[in-house]
Protein backbone atom coordinates (compact mmCIF):
# COMPACT_ATOMS: atom_id res chain seq x y z
CA MET A 1 10.97 -70.29 -50.25
CA GLY A 2 8.43 -72.45 -48.49
CA ALA A 3 10.72 -74.07 -45.94
CA PHE A 4 9.97 -71.56 -43.17
CA ALA A 5 6.85 -69.83 -41.97
CA GLY A 6 6.15 -66.65 -43.88
CA GLY A 7 9.20 -67.25 -46.05
CA ARG A 8 11.45 -65.77 -43.36
CA LEU A 9 14.73 -67.20 -42.24
CA PRO A 10 15.16 -68.19 -38.58
CA PRO A 11 17.57 -66.32 -36.25
CA ASP A 12 21.28 -66.34 -37.08
CA ASP A 13 22.24 -68.86 -34.43
CA VAL A 14 19.77 -71.37 -35.90
CA VAL A 15 21.01 -70.69 -39.43
CA VAL A 16 24.66 -71.09 -38.46
CA THR A 17 24.06 -74.29 -36.49
CA ALA A 18 22.15 -75.79 -39.42
CA LEU A 19 24.83 -74.85 -41.93
CA ARG A 20 27.56 -76.32 -39.76
CA ALA A 21 25.53 -79.52 -39.57
CA GLY A 22 25.27 -79.68 -43.36
CA ASP A 23 21.55 -78.98 -43.42
CA GLU A 24 20.68 -78.87 -47.14
CA THR A 25 17.24 -77.39 -46.53
CA MET A 26 18.73 -74.40 -44.73
CA PHE A 27 21.35 -73.91 -47.41
CA ALA A 28 18.69 -74.04 -50.12
CA ALA A 29 16.65 -71.47 -48.19
CA LEU A 30 19.61 -69.09 -48.12
CA LEU A 31 20.17 -69.60 -51.84
CA ASP A 32 16.54 -68.85 -52.61
CA THR A 33 16.41 -65.81 -50.33
CA TRP A 34 19.72 -64.08 -51.02
CA SER A 35 21.13 -65.20 -54.38
CA ARG A 36 19.24 -62.79 -56.62
CA GLY A 37 20.38 -59.77 -54.63
CA MET A 38 23.90 -61.13 -54.32
CA LEU A 39 24.06 -61.54 -58.08
CA ARG A 40 23.17 -57.89 -58.62
CA VAL A 41 25.82 -56.76 -56.14
CA ALA A 42 28.44 -58.99 -57.79
CA ARG A 43 27.48 -57.58 -61.19
CA SER A 44 28.43 -54.13 -59.92
CA TYR A 45 32.08 -55.21 -59.86
CA VAL A 46 32.48 -57.47 -62.89
CA SER A 47 32.05 -57.07 -66.63
CA THR A 48 29.47 -59.71 -67.58
CA ASP A 49 26.51 -61.61 -66.19
CA PRO A 50 28.29 -65.01 -66.47
CA SER A 51 31.21 -63.57 -64.53
CA ALA A 52 28.84 -62.43 -61.77
CA GLU A 53 27.31 -65.90 -61.66
CA GLU A 54 30.77 -67.40 -61.18
CA VAL A 55 31.41 -64.95 -58.34
CA LEU A 56 28.16 -66.07 -56.75
CA GLN A 57 29.11 -69.74 -57.02
CA ASP A 58 32.57 -69.08 -55.58
CA THR A 59 30.99 -67.15 -52.72
CA TRP A 60 28.65 -69.95 -51.73
CA LEU A 61 31.52 -72.44 -51.86
CA ALA A 62 33.52 -70.15 -49.59
CA VAL A 63 30.56 -69.90 -47.20
CA ILE A 64 30.35 -73.70 -46.96
CA ASP A 65 34.10 -74.00 -46.44
CA GLY A 66 34.30 -71.16 -43.93
CA ILE A 67 31.13 -71.49 -41.83
CA ASP A 68 32.97 -73.21 -38.99
CA GLY A 69 35.12 -70.10 -38.65
CA PHE A 70 32.17 -67.70 -38.42
CA GLU A 71 32.56 -65.87 -35.10
CA GLY A 72 29.28 -63.97 -34.97
CA ARG A 73 30.84 -60.51 -34.89
CA SER A 74 28.37 -59.47 -37.57
CA SER A 75 25.14 -60.93 -38.87
CA ILE A 76 25.44 -64.04 -41.01
CA LYS A 77 24.07 -62.07 -43.97
CA THR A 78 26.70 -59.36 -43.57
CA TRP A 79 29.39 -62.03 -43.36
CA VAL A 80 28.16 -63.71 -46.55
CA TYR A 81 27.95 -60.41 -48.41
CA ARG A 82 31.48 -59.46 -47.34
CA ILE A 83 32.74 -62.71 -48.86
CA LEU A 84 30.77 -61.87 -52.01
CA VAL A 85 32.16 -58.35 -52.27
CA ASN A 86 35.75 -59.46 -51.69
CA THR A 87 35.38 -62.24 -54.28
CA ALA A 88 33.82 -59.86 -56.80
CA LYS A 89 36.49 -57.21 -56.22
CA LYS A 90 39.29 -59.69 -56.91
CA ARG A 91 37.63 -60.91 -60.07
CA GLY A 92 36.93 -57.36 -61.21
CA MET A 93 40.58 -56.44 -60.72
CA ARG A 94 41.67 -59.43 -62.82
CA GLU A 95 39.24 -58.43 -65.55
CA SER A 96 40.44 -54.82 -65.53
CA ARG A 97 43.94 -56.03 -66.33
CA THR A 98 42.72 -57.95 -69.38
CA LEU A 99 39.71 -55.96 -70.64
CA PRO A 100 39.35 -52.35 -71.78
CA TRP A 101 37.28 -50.20 -69.43
CA SER A 102 34.61 -49.88 -72.12
CA ALA A 103 33.79 -53.55 -71.58
CA PHE A 104 32.57 -52.68 -68.09
CA GLU A 105 30.24 -50.02 -69.42
CA ALA A 106 28.79 -51.73 -72.46
CA ASP A 107 26.24 -53.93 -70.78
CA GLY A 108 24.61 -52.38 -67.76
CA ALA A 109 24.09 -54.01 -64.40
CA PRO A 110 20.89 -56.05 -64.12
CA PHE A 111 17.90 -54.33 -62.58
CA PRO A 112 14.86 -55.94 -61.01
CA ASP A 113 11.35 -55.88 -62.40
CA GLY A 114 10.22 -53.35 -59.80
CA VAL A 115 12.05 -50.06 -60.32
CA SER A 116 12.08 -48.26 -57.00
CA PHE A 117 12.95 -44.70 -56.12
CA PRO A 118 13.04 -44.76 -52.31
CA ASP A 119 13.74 -42.13 -49.66
CA GLY A 120 11.18 -39.69 -50.96
CA GLY A 121 12.51 -39.71 -54.50
CA ARG A 122 16.04 -38.68 -53.66
CA TRP A 123 17.24 -40.08 -56.98
CA GLY A 124 15.79 -36.82 -58.14
CA GLU A 125 12.45 -35.19 -58.51
CA PRO A 126 11.53 -35.98 -62.13
CA GLY A 127 8.88 -33.30 -62.38
CA ALA A 128 6.08 -32.93 -64.87
CA ALA A 129 8.36 -33.36 -67.88
CA TRP A 130 8.83 -37.06 -67.13
CA PRO A 131 6.21 -39.42 -68.56
CA SER A 132 4.26 -41.59 -66.14
CA PRO A 133 5.16 -45.31 -66.49
CA GLU A 134 1.88 -46.64 -67.88
CA GLY A 135 1.76 -50.04 -69.46
CA ALA A 136 4.25 -52.85 -69.67
CA ALA A 137 6.15 -51.43 -72.66
CA LEU A 138 6.99 -48.13 -70.97
CA ALA A 139 7.83 -49.86 -67.68
CA ALA A 140 10.24 -52.13 -69.55
CA GLU A 141 11.79 -49.08 -71.21
CA VAL A 142 12.32 -47.42 -67.83
CA ARG A 143 13.98 -50.57 -66.48
CA ALA A 144 16.27 -50.79 -69.48
CA LEU A 145 17.25 -47.12 -69.27
CA THR A 146 17.91 -47.36 -65.54
CA ALA A 147 20.03 -50.48 -66.02
CA GLU A 148 22.03 -48.67 -68.70
CA ALA A 149 22.50 -45.68 -66.41
CA LEU A 150 23.68 -47.88 -63.55
CA GLY A 151 26.12 -49.56 -65.91
CA ARG A 152 27.77 -46.20 -66.63
CA LEU A 153 28.59 -45.54 -62.99
CA PRO A 154 32.03 -46.18 -61.47
CA PRO A 155 32.01 -49.52 -59.60
CA ARG A 156 32.02 -48.01 -56.09
CA GLN A 157 29.05 -45.79 -56.84
CA ARG A 158 27.26 -48.61 -58.64
CA VAL A 159 27.54 -51.07 -55.77
CA VAL A 160 26.37 -48.51 -53.20
CA ILE A 161 23.30 -47.46 -55.19
CA THR A 162 22.54 -51.10 -55.97
CA MET A 163 22.62 -52.05 -52.30
CA ARG A 164 20.69 -48.99 -51.10
CA ASP A 165 18.09 -48.42 -53.83
CA VAL A 166 17.74 -51.86 -55.41
CA GLU A 167 18.33 -54.19 -52.47
CA GLY A 168 16.96 -51.86 -49.79
CA TYR A 169 19.89 -52.04 -47.39
CA SER A 170 20.23 -49.37 -44.73
CA SER A 171 23.22 -47.03 -44.77
CA ASP A 172 24.62 -48.78 -41.68
CA GLU A 173 24.42 -52.18 -43.36
CA VAL A 174 26.13 -50.91 -46.51
CA CYS A 175 28.92 -49.34 -44.46
CA GLU A 176 29.43 -52.58 -42.55
CA ILE A 177 29.43 -54.83 -45.62
CA LEU A 178 31.65 -52.58 -47.75
CA GLU A 179 33.73 -51.45 -44.77
CA ILE A 180 33.44 -47.77 -45.63
CA SER A 181 32.63 -44.74 -43.51
CA ALA A 182 29.15 -43.26 -43.29
CA ALA A 183 30.40 -40.06 -44.93
CA ASN A 184 31.92 -42.00 -47.82
CA GLN A 185 28.72 -43.98 -48.29
CA ARG A 186 26.67 -40.76 -48.41
CA VAL A 187 28.98 -39.17 -50.99
CA LEU A 188 28.99 -42.26 -53.24
CA LEU A 189 25.22 -42.61 -53.04
CA HIS A 190 24.60 -38.92 -53.72
CA ARG A 191 26.89 -38.93 -56.76
CA ALA A 192 25.32 -42.10 -58.11
CA ARG A 193 21.76 -40.86 -57.69
CA THR A 194 22.62 -37.49 -59.21
CA ALA A 195 24.23 -39.13 -62.24
CA VAL A 196 21.36 -41.56 -62.83
CA ARG A 197 18.80 -38.80 -62.39
CA GLY A 198 20.67 -36.60 -64.87
CA TRP A 199 20.95 -39.30 -67.53
CA LEU A 200 17.27 -40.20 -67.28
CA ALA A 201 16.22 -36.53 -67.29
CA ASP A 202 18.31 -35.88 -70.41
CA TYR A 203 16.73 -38.86 -72.16
CA TYR A 204 13.16 -37.91 -71.37
CA GLY A 205 13.90 -34.29 -72.21
CA SER A 206 15.08 -35.32 -75.68
CA VAL A 207 12.03 -37.55 -76.12
CA LYS A 208 9.70 -34.68 -75.23
CA GLN A 209 11.44 -32.34 -77.67
CA ALA A 210 11.17 -34.92 -80.44
CA GLU A 211 7.42 -35.24 -79.84
CA GLN A 212 6.80 -31.51 -80.09
C-alpha cells in the first residue's frame, strides 16, 4: 500500500474522518487493502467473476455515498463488508431468477495463491495418502481443485469458509458481518470443511489408485 507505515491502516476514527473529507489517498488505501478479499466474498454469492467485480464497484460507491451516515456501532471494515454482502446477495438473487443453478457451480470461486488450512487442519486430516504439494505445478493443481470444491458448495457455506479459511476472519467477525448466530456459523463452516475435505480426498484417492 505504501501510504501508511507498515502498510497498516490507521484507527477507524481517522479513516472515517478522512473518507468524509474526500481524502483520495485514504480511499485508495482501503481499495488496495480490502478489495481482493471483498472480491472473493462477493464471488461466493454471484455466478461469474465479472458479476463479482460489479458488486465490488457498487459497494465502494455505496460506501462513498453512505459514509456520512456511519454511526460507529461496528468497525468500519465490518460496515463495508455488510454493504458488500447485502449487495452481493441482491445480485445473486436476481441471477438465480434468470440462470439455472448449474451456472453457479460451473466456475468455482477464486482462491488465492496461498492455500491455507488453518485451525490445526480442521478442513480434515489428509493423512499419508495425500501427496505433498511439491513444485509449482502441483501447487497450482491443489489451488484449482480447491477452487472447484468451493464452487460446489451452497452459497452460505461458501461465504463462511471463504471468510474464515481464505480471509482469516474470526468466528465473531463472520457472525457480525453476516448477522448469523455463532452456532449457525459453526454448522456452516463444519459442513463446508467436511465437503471440501471429502472431495479432495476422493480425488487424491482416485489418483493414487490410478498410479498403482
